[in-house]
Amino acid sequence: QAPQLFKQLIMVSGFDKYFQIAPCFRDEDPRADRSPTDFYQLDLEMSFVEQQDVFDTIQPVLQGIFEEFGKGRKVDTEWEEISFRDSAKWYGTDKPDLRNPIKMQDVSEHFRGSGFAIFAKILEQDGTEIRAIPAKTGGSRKFCDRMNAFAQKEGLPGMGYIFWREKTADAVAQELSITVKEAQAKLKSGEVEGGMEAAGPLAKNIGPERTEAIRQQLGLEVGDAAFFLGGKPKAFEAVAGKARVEIGDQLGLTDKDRFAFAWIVDFPMYEADEETGKIDFSHNPFSMPQGGIEALSGDPLEVLGYQYDLSCNGYELISGAIRNHKLDVMIKAFELAGYDEAEVHKRFGGLVNAFQYGAPPHGGCAAGIDRIVMLLADEANIREVIMFPMNQRAEDLMMNAPSEPESDQ
């Protein structure tokens, strides 16, 4: 595991700054951006700092690395701060790729009580919403059908869609109660302005007023489209995030010649198990809750922590936090997650004993070196930048490791 508790003890002992290139051994899920057994990180911790101090310390380091070794690609100098909740709402993930300009929006009000019964019924339930993914230049039925098929591959029934096009002669004929031929003549002569019309199954069901309100909210024009997902956000957000990435890539909206950074902040301290309702830590249990011990007396699910991640091009490069340096706050924080004081002493006795002597406010972060190199090398799989990498089953096939132990071993 990462040496977090040890670097906290270094701060308690009187050192005000620490850094090292630290190997971390961890049972990771086998993914393209993770080594299954271990990784290296640039680890740092500082005393008497707040969140912004950590940001100001590490940004010049990372920015300099990407400017030096990024093969001339543009490196963002203004690093946006986005709350965890906003990141999930706008991008469907807590590690957004901001090279892609698409930002999802809540359009629930346009479907509430509408003629599209599926969404209208969804919105009758608590905690549900309809979210739109705007797709500039995606306004063709062929593209919309392709994205609908993408959603089905991801396990959803599909995605609703609306696209906007030049008004057809058929539509003008229907509006003016004339023949299609007469409508064509009027459009050609300019006697009737063409304008735009909304097309697709959703447009027919909710009517022109609602579709126009959606178009205006999303800032779309002729040739654009919007895709819609509904339900409880936790159930569809991950797929919505993948769809956003897919749309950006397929339509050429994502700027591939850029490193786009964002700090993701205000992580929730706790989450509830959907089946049992049990409260547990959602991220780092040793983070300082925003609002201190007073914040822990209310609803645990509303408590935010001083936790932060740095996202770059859709990957998490840094994770860190301002630590909980007050023993009474730490005991209370663990109590809410079901650990009594005796259990905290048993599991984390070294840290608890040190805190009894008084600990300075402290915080830090760690940057994943292998993942940084993967981005700089423009590789899609982290194993391409690791010497002698394991396979996805954490095996070294060349060395036949791990192997069965002999009986005398």
Protein backbone atom coordinates (compact mmCIF):
# COMPACT_ATOMS: atom_id res chain seq x y z
CA GLN A 1 0.00 0.00 0.00
CA ALA A 2 1.00 3.64 -0.31
CA PRO A 3 3.07 4.91 2.67
CA GLN A 4 0.39 7.33 3.83
CA LEU A 5 0.29 6.58 7.55
CA PHE A 6 4.08 6.62 7.69
CA LYS A 7 4.38 9.99 6.01
CA GLN A 8 1.76 11.33 8.42
CA LEU A 9 3.93 10.08 11.29
CA ILE A 10 6.88 11.93 9.73
CA MET A 11 4.84 15.16 9.95
CA VAL A 12 3.90 14.44 13.58
CA SER A 13 7.57 13.83 14.42
CA GLY A 14 8.52 17.37 13.45
CA PHE A 15 9.51 17.28 9.78
CA ASP A 16 7.58 19.90 7.83
CA LYS A 17 8.16 18.49 4.33
CA TYR A 18 8.66 15.04 2.85
CA PHE A 19 8.88 13.58 -0.64
CA GLN A 20 10.14 10.41 -2.23
CA ILE A 21 9.69 8.29 -5.33
CA ALA A 22 7.88 5.47 -3.57
CA PRO A 23 7.08 1.96 -4.79
CA CYS A 24 3.55 0.92 -3.85
CA PHE A 25 2.38 -2.68 -3.75
CA ARG A 26 -1.33 -2.96 -4.24
CA ASP A 27 -3.90 -5.52 -5.33
CA GLU A 28 -5.27 -3.47 -8.24
CA ASP A 29 -8.07 -4.37 -10.62
CA PRO A 30 -6.53 -5.38 -13.97
CA ARG A 31 -7.24 -2.40 -16.22
CA ALA A 32 -5.43 -0.75 -19.11
CA ASP A 33 -4.30 2.16 -16.89
CA ARG A 34 -3.29 0.04 -13.87
CA SER A 35 -0.47 -2.36 -13.15
CA PRO A 36 -2.01 -5.29 -11.26
CA THR A 37 0.61 -5.58 -8.49
CA ASP A 38 2.63 -2.41 -8.00
CA PHE A 39 3.35 1.08 -9.25
CA TYR A 40 5.62 4.03 -8.52
CA GLN A 41 4.51 7.41 -7.26
CA LEU A 42 5.98 10.80 -6.50
CA ASP A 43 4.79 10.99 -2.90
CA LEU A 44 4.77 14.17 -0.82
CA GLU A 45 3.42 15.51 2.45
CA MET A 46 3.64 18.92 4.14
CA SER A 47 2.79 20.35 7.55
CA PHE A 48 0.79 23.54 8.19
CA VAL A 49 -0.82 23.57 4.75
CA GLU A 50 -4.29 23.90 3.29
CA GLN A 51 -5.64 22.36 0.10
CA GLN A 52 -4.57 25.28 -2.11
CA ASP A 53 -0.98 25.05 -0.80
CA VAL A 54 -0.76 21.46 -2.05
CA PHE A 55 -2.15 22.51 -5.45
CA ASP A 56 0.32 25.39 -5.71
CA THR A 57 3.23 23.09 -4.84
CA ILE A 58 2.56 20.24 -7.27
CA GLN A 59 1.19 22.15 -10.29
CA PRO A 60 4.54 23.65 -11.41
CA VAL A 61 6.16 20.20 -11.13
CA LEU A 62 3.55 18.41 -13.26
CA GLN A 63 3.18 21.30 -15.69
CA GLY A 64 6.94 21.41 -16.20
CA ILE A 65 7.13 17.65 -16.83
CA PHE A 66 4.40 17.76 -19.47
CA GLU A 67 5.85 20.87 -21.15
CA GLU A 68 9.31 19.26 -21.26
CA PHE A 69 8.34 15.77 -22.40
CA GLY A 70 4.90 16.21 -24.01
CA LYS A 71 6.20 16.28 -27.60
CA GLY A 72 5.05 19.85 -28.14
CA ARG A 73 1.42 19.25 -27.25
CA LYS A 74 -0.40 22.13 -25.55
CA VAL A 75 -0.35 21.98 -21.74
CA ASP A 76 -3.15 23.76 -19.87
CA THR A 77 -1.83 26.36 -17.44
CA GLU A 78 -5.19 27.13 -15.79
CA TRP A 79 -6.29 24.05 -13.85
CA GLU A 80 -10.01 24.15 -13.20
CA GLU A 81 -11.45 23.01 -9.86
CA ILE A 82 -14.61 20.91 -10.24
CA SER A 83 -16.60 19.42 -7.38
CA PHE A 84 -17.03 15.63 -7.35
CA ARG A 85 -20.81 16.02 -7.74
CA ASP A 86 -20.51 18.45 -10.67
CA SER A 87 -17.96 16.22 -12.37
CA ALA A 88 -20.35 13.26 -12.17
CA LYS A 89 -23.26 15.41 -13.36
CA TRP A 90 -21.45 17.09 -16.27
CA TYR A 91 -19.07 14.33 -17.37
CA GLY A 92 -20.34 11.06 -15.85
CA THR A 93 -17.00 10.40 -14.12
CA ASP A 94 -14.66 11.79 -11.45
CA LYS A 95 -11.78 11.84 -13.96
CA PRO A 96 -13.16 13.83 -16.90
CA ASP A 97 -11.40 14.34 -20.21
CA LEU A 98 -11.74 18.10 -20.66
CA ARG A 99 -10.29 18.00 -24.16
CA ASN A 100 -13.83 17.00 -25.05
CA PRO A 101 -16.07 20.12 -24.83
CA ILE A 102 -19.33 18.20 -24.23
CA LYS A 103 -20.99 19.01 -20.91
CA MET A 104 -24.10 17.06 -19.95
CA GLN A 105 -27.11 18.89 -18.52
CA ASP A 106 -30.20 18.07 -16.46
CA VAL A 107 -33.28 18.51 -18.68
CA SER A 108 -35.82 16.85 -16.39
CA GLU A 109 -38.26 19.77 -16.40
CA HIS A 110 -38.79 19.47 -20.15
CA PHE A 111 -39.93 15.84 -19.81
CA ARG A 112 -41.97 16.09 -16.60
CA GLY A 113 -45.61 15.44 -17.54
CA SER A 114 -44.68 15.20 -21.23
CA GLY A 115 -46.05 12.90 -23.89
CA PHE A 116 -42.98 10.67 -23.68
CA ALA A 117 -44.41 8.26 -21.13
CA ILE A 118 -41.16 6.42 -20.32
CA PHE A 119 -39.34 9.54 -19.10
CA ALA A 120 -42.48 11.08 -17.57
CA LYS A 121 -42.99 7.92 -15.49
CA ILE A 122 -39.33 7.79 -14.44
CA LEU A 123 -39.60 11.34 -13.11
CA GLU A 124 -42.50 10.37 -10.85
CA GLN A 125 -39.99 8.46 -8.71
CA ASP A 126 -37.80 10.17 -6.11
CA GLY A 127 -34.15 10.83 -6.91
CA THR A 128 -34.48 10.49 -10.67
CA GLU A 129 -33.60 12.81 -13.52
CA ILE A 130 -33.25 13.02 -17.28
CA ARG A 131 -29.83 14.02 -18.52
CA ALA A 132 -28.95 15.31 -21.98
CA ILE A 133 -25.67 14.81 -23.84
CA PRO A 134 -25.41 17.55 -26.50
CA ALA A 135 -23.71 16.46 -29.73
CA LYS A 136 -22.72 19.31 -32.02
CA THR A 137 -22.60 18.23 -35.68
CA GLY A 138 -24.18 14.87 -34.76
CA GLY A 139 -27.54 15.66 -36.32
CA SER A 140 -28.17 12.70 -38.58
CA ARG A 141 -30.38 9.70 -38.05
CA LYS A 142 -27.48 7.41 -38.98
CA PHE A 143 -25.27 8.78 -36.20
CA CYS A 144 -28.13 8.75 -33.70
CA ASP A 145 -28.86 5.10 -34.47
CA ARG A 146 -25.16 4.31 -34.07
CA MET A 147 -25.08 5.86 -30.60
CA ASN A 148 -28.29 4.07 -29.69
CA ALA A 149 -26.59 0.78 -30.58
CA PHE A 150 -23.59 1.84 -28.44
CA ALA A 151 -25.86 2.30 -25.41
CA GLN A 152 -27.39 -1.13 -25.98
CA LYS A 153 -23.91 -2.70 -26.03
CA GLU A 154 -23.32 -1.04 -22.65
CA GLY A 155 -26.36 -2.81 -21.24
CA LEU A 156 -29.02 -0.09 -21.52
CA PRO A 157 -32.25 -0.43 -23.54
CA GLY A 158 -31.02 2.47 -25.66
CA MET A 159 -30.75 6.27 -25.65
CA GLY A 160 -33.49 8.66 -26.63
CA TYR A 161 -32.42 11.29 -29.12
CA ILE A 162 -33.51 14.44 -30.94
CA PHE A 163 -31.70 15.96 -33.90
CA TRP A 164 -32.29 19.27 -35.62
CA ARG A 165 -32.40 19.70 -39.39
CA GLU A 166 -33.58 22.14 -42.03
CA LYS A 167 -37.35 22.12 -42.22
CA THR A 168 -38.54 19.79 -44.99
CA ALA A 169 -41.21 20.48 -47.61
CA ASP A 170 -43.36 17.82 -45.94
CA ALA A 171 -43.32 19.76 -42.68
CA VAL A 172 -44.15 23.06 -44.42
CA ALA A 173 -46.98 21.39 -46.36
CA GLN A 174 -48.45 20.05 -43.14
CA GLU A 175 -48.16 23.42 -41.38
CA LEU A 176 -49.79 25.39 -44.22
CA SER A 177 -52.24 22.67 -45.34
CA ILE A 178 -50.86 22.72 -48.89
CA THR A 179 -49.38 20.06 -51.15
CA VAL A 180 -45.72 19.06 -50.87
CA LYS A 181 -45.12 20.38 -54.39
CA GLU A 182 -46.54 23.79 -53.44
CA ALA A 183 -44.42 23.78 -50.30
CA GLN A 184 -41.29 23.04 -52.34
CA ALA A 185 -42.06 25.99 -54.61
CA LYS A 186 -42.62 28.35 -51.67
CA LEU A 187 -39.35 27.26 -50.03
CA LYS A 188 -37.44 27.69 -53.29
CA SER A 189 -38.85 31.17 -53.94
CA GLY A 190 -38.22 32.30 -50.37
CA GLU A 191 -41.91 33.01 -49.86
CA VAL A 192 -41.71 30.70 -46.84
CA GLU A 193 -38.66 30.56 -44.59
CA GLY A 194 -37.35 27.05 -44.07
CA GLY A 195 -36.01 27.33 -40.55
CA MET A 196 -35.35 24.20 -38.59
CA GLU A 197 -37.29 21.29 -37.21
CA ALA A 198 -36.66 18.71 -34.54
CA ALA A 199 -36.69 15.07 -35.63
CA GLY A 200 -36.59 11.71 -33.92
CA PRO A 201 -39.04 9.71 -31.78
CA LEU A 202 -38.69 11.95 -28.71
CA ALA A 203 -39.45 15.10 -30.70
CA LYS A 204 -42.73 13.62 -31.92
CA ASN A 205 -43.75 12.59 -28.42
CA ILE A 206 -42.98 15.78 -26.48
CA GLY A 207 -43.96 18.35 -29.12
CA PRO A 208 -42.31 21.44 -30.64
CA GLU A 209 -42.42 23.73 -27.59
CA ARG A 210 -40.53 21.33 -25.35
CA THR A 211 -38.02 20.39 -28.05
CA GLU A 212 -37.33 24.07 -28.71
CA ALA A 213 -36.80 24.68 -24.98
CA ILE A 214 -34.31 21.79 -24.89
CA ARG A 215 -32.50 23.12 -27.96
CA GLN A 216 -32.16 26.57 -26.43
CA GLN A 217 -30.94 25.20 -23.08
CA LEU A 218 -28.28 23.10 -24.81
CA GLY A 219 -27.31 25.81 -27.32
CA LEU A 220 -27.81 23.58 -30.37
CA GLU A 221 -28.46 24.47 -34.01
CA VAL A 222 -29.30 22.83 -37.33
CA GLY A 223 -27.08 19.76 -37.78
CA ASP A 224 -26.78 19.09 -34.05
CA ALA A 225 -28.27 16.37 -31.86
CA ALA A 226 -28.88 15.54 -28.22
CA PHE A 227 -29.03 12.16 -26.50
CA PHE A 228 -31.00 11.42 -23.35
CA LEU A 229 -30.70 8.99 -20.45
CA GLY A 230 -33.02 8.77 -17.47
CA GLY A 231 -33.34 7.17 -14.06
CA LYS A 232 -31.34 7.35 -10.85
CA PRO A 233 -28.03 9.01 -11.73
CA LYS A 234 -25.92 6.23 -10.17
CA ALA A 235 -27.56 3.74 -12.54
CA PHE A 236 -26.81 5.61 -15.78
CA GLU A 237 -23.95 8.06 -15.09
CA ALA A 238 -21.12 5.68 -16.00
CA VAL A 239 -22.70 4.81 -19.36
CA ALA A 240 -23.51 8.49 -19.97
CA GLY A 241 -19.84 9.31 -19.36
CA LYS A 242 -18.73 6.63 -21.84
CA ALA A 243 -21.27 7.90 -24.39
CA ARG A 244 -19.93 11.44 -23.97
CA VAL A 245 -16.40 10.19 -24.74
CA GLU A 246 -17.63 8.13 -27.71
CA ILE A 247 -19.56 11.09 -29.16
CA GLY A 248 -16.57 13.39 -28.77
CA ASP A 249 -14.27 10.90 -30.49
CA GLN A 250 -16.62 9.97 -33.34
CA LEU A 251 -17.49 13.58 -34.17
CA GLY A 252 -13.89 14.79 -33.89
CA LEU A 253 -14.74 17.19 -31.05
CA THR A 254 -11.93 16.02 -28.72
CA ASP A 255 -8.65 17.93 -29.08
CA LYS A 256 -6.08 15.12 -29.13
CA ASP A 257 -3.15 17.54 -29.20
CA ARG A 258 -3.57 18.82 -25.64
CA PHE A 259 -3.09 17.92 -21.97
CA ALA A 260 -6.15 19.16 -20.06
CA PHE A 261 -5.93 19.15 -16.25
CA ALA A 262 -8.63 19.57 -13.60
CA TRP A 263 -8.68 19.24 -9.83
CA ILE A 264 -11.66 17.21 -8.64
CA VAL A 265 -12.55 18.41 -5.13
CA ASP A 266 -15.23 18.10 -2.43
CA PHE A 267 -15.45 14.31 -2.41
CA PRO A 268 -18.16 12.86 -0.17
CA MET A 269 -16.70 11.31 2.99
CA TYR A 270 -19.27 8.52 3.18
CA GLU A 271 -21.51 6.38 1.01
CA ALA A 272 -24.38 4.02 1.80
CA ASP A 273 -24.51 0.42 0.63
CA GLU A 274 -27.49 0.26 -1.74
CA GLU A 275 -28.67 -3.10 -0.38
CA THR A 276 -27.95 -2.87 3.36
CA GLY A 277 -27.92 0.92 3.82
CA LYS A 278 -24.70 0.59 5.86
CA ILE A 279 -22.58 3.74 5.97
CA ASP A 280 -18.93 3.36 4.95
CA PHE A 281 -16.08 5.58 3.84
CA SER A 282 -16.29 6.41 0.14
CA HIS A 283 -12.63 7.33 -0.34
CA ASN A 284 -9.83 8.08 2.12
CA PRO A 285 -10.86 7.53 5.77
CA PHE A 286 -8.00 9.67 7.12
CA SER A 287 -9.14 12.90 5.42
CA MET A 288 -10.32 15.92 7.37
CA PRO A 289 -14.09 16.39 7.04
CA GLN A 290 -15.07 19.87 5.87
CA GLY A 291 -16.61 21.56 8.89
CA GLY A 292 -14.68 19.45 11.41
CA ILE A 293 -16.41 17.54 14.17
CA GLU A 294 -19.59 19.66 13.90
CA ALA A 295 -20.15 18.36 10.36
CA LEU A 296 -20.14 14.79 11.70
CA SER A 297 -23.22 15.38 13.86
CA GLY A 298 -25.57 15.61 10.86
CA ASP A 299 -26.33 13.35 7.90
CA PRO A 300 -23.11 11.43 7.07
CA LEU A 301 -23.99 11.35 3.37
CA GLU A 302 -23.85 15.16 3.27
CA VAL A 303 -20.33 15.36 4.76
CA LEU A 304 -17.61 16.41 2.32
CA GLY A 305 -13.92 15.75 2.82
CA TYR A 306 -10.82 17.76 2.01
CA GLN A 307 -9.96 15.18 -0.64
CA TYR A 308 -8.84 15.85 -4.18
CA ASP A 309 -7.75 14.13 -7.38
CA LEU A 310 -5.99 15.55 -10.41
CA SER A 311 -7.46 14.41 -13.70
CA CYS A 312 -5.68 14.66 -17.05
CA ASN A 313 -7.20 13.56 -20.37
CA GLY A 314 -9.55 11.14 -18.64
CA TYR A 315 -7.00 9.59 -16.25
CA GLU A 316 -6.45 10.14 -12.53
CA LEU A 317 -2.84 11.30 -12.12
CA ILE A 318 -2.87 12.45 -8.49
CA SER A 319 -4.83 11.62 -5.38
CA GLY A 320 -4.45 13.41 -2.08
CA ALA A 321 -6.08 15.02 0.93
CA ILE A 322 -5.73 17.33 3.86
CA ARG A 323 -5.42 14.81 6.69
CA ASN A 324 -7.52 14.50 9.79
CA HIS A 325 -4.98 15.54 12.46
CA LYS A 326 -7.40 15.74 15.41
CA LEU A 327 -7.87 12.52 17.35
CA ASP A 328 -11.42 13.28 18.54
CA VAL A 329 -12.52 14.05 14.97
CA MET A 330 -10.86 10.88 13.69
CA ILE A 331 -12.56 8.70 16.33
CA LYS A 332 -15.95 10.25 15.49
CA ALA A 333 -15.38 9.85 11.74
CA PHE A 334 -14.65 6.14 12.14
CA GLU A 335 -17.58 5.72 14.52
CA LEU A 336 -19.98 6.84 11.77
CA ALA A 337 -18.57 4.09 9.55
CA GLY A 338 -19.16 1.44 12.22
CA TYR A 339 -15.76 1.32 13.94
CA ASP A 340 -15.75 1.88 17.71
CA GLU A 341 -12.83 3.55 19.50
CA ALA A 342 -11.30 0.23 20.57
CA GLU A 343 -11.25 -0.96 16.95
CA VAL A 344 -9.57 2.27 15.78
CA HIS A 345 -6.88 1.84 18.48
CA LYS A 346 -6.40 -1.79 17.46
CA ARG A 347 -6.11 -1.14 13.73
CA PHE A 348 -4.25 2.18 13.73
CA GLY A 349 -2.52 2.22 17.11
CA GLY A 350 0.70 3.76 15.79
CA LEU A 351 -1.12 6.79 14.39
CA VAL A 352 -3.47 7.11 17.37
CA ASN A 353 -0.57 7.08 19.84
CA ALA A 354 1.31 9.71 17.84
CA PHE A 355 -1.76 11.97 17.65
CA GLN A 356 -2.00 11.95 21.46
CA TYR A 357 1.16 14.07 21.51
CA GLY A 358 -0.44 16.63 19.18
CA ALA A 359 -0.23 16.69 15.39
CA PRO A 360 0.18 19.67 13.06
CA PRO A 361 -2.35 20.28 10.29
CA HIS A 362 -0.90 18.41 7.33
CA GLY A 363 -1.74 17.18 3.87
CA GLY A 364 -0.25 15.95 0.66
CA CYS A 365 -0.70 13.92 -2.47
CA ALA A 366 0.95 11.37 -4.70
CA ALA A 367 1.37 11.41 -8.47
CA GLY A 368 1.39 8.11 -10.37
CA ILE A 369 4.65 8.05 -12.31
CA ASP A 370 3.84 5.08 -14.57
CA ARG A 371 0.57 6.68 -15.62
CA ILE A 372 2.26 10.03 -16.30
CA VAL A 373 4.77 8.27 -18.57
CA MET A 374 1.91 6.41 -20.28
CA LEU A 375 0.26 9.75 -21.15
CA LEU A 376 3.52 11.35 -22.28
CA ALA A 377 4.29 8.35 -24.50
CA ASP A 378 0.74 8.48 -25.90
CA GLU A 379 0.14 4.83 -25.01
CA ALA A 380 -3.29 3.39 -24.24
CA ASN A 381 -1.97 0.62 -21.95
CA ILE A 382 0.30 1.16 -18.95
CA ARG A 383 2.13 -2.12 -19.60
CA GLU A 384 3.73 -0.50 -22.65
CA VAL A 385 5.80 1.79 -20.38
CA ILE A 386 6.72 -0.72 -17.64
CA MET A 387 9.84 -2.90 -17.80
CA PHE A 388 8.85 -6.58 -17.52
CA PRO A 389 5.16 -5.96 -16.87
CA MET A 390 2.82 -8.54 -15.40
CA ASN A 391 -0.12 -9.77 -17.45
CA GLN A 392 -3.69 -9.03 -16.39
CA ARG A 393 -3.65 -12.04 -14.07
CA ALA A 394 -0.57 -10.62 -12.26
CA GLU A 395 1.69 -13.30 -13.77
CA ASP A 396 5.25 -12.97 -15.09
CA LEU A 397 5.18 -15.62 -17.82
CA MET A 398 8.86 -15.22 -18.70
CA MET A 399 9.98 -16.00 -15.15
CA ASN A 400 7.14 -18.45 -14.50
CA ALA A 401 6.09 -16.44 -11.46
CA PRO A 402 4.28 -16.84 -9.21
CA SER A 403 4.96 -20.58 -9.03
CA GLU A 404 3.81 -23.34 -6.70
CA PRO A 405 5.91 -23.58 -3.51
CA GLU A 406 7.81 -26.80 -2.89
CA SER A 407 6.82 -28.86 0.16
CA ASP A 408 10.08 -28.05 2.01
CA GLN A 409 9.48 -24.34 1.48
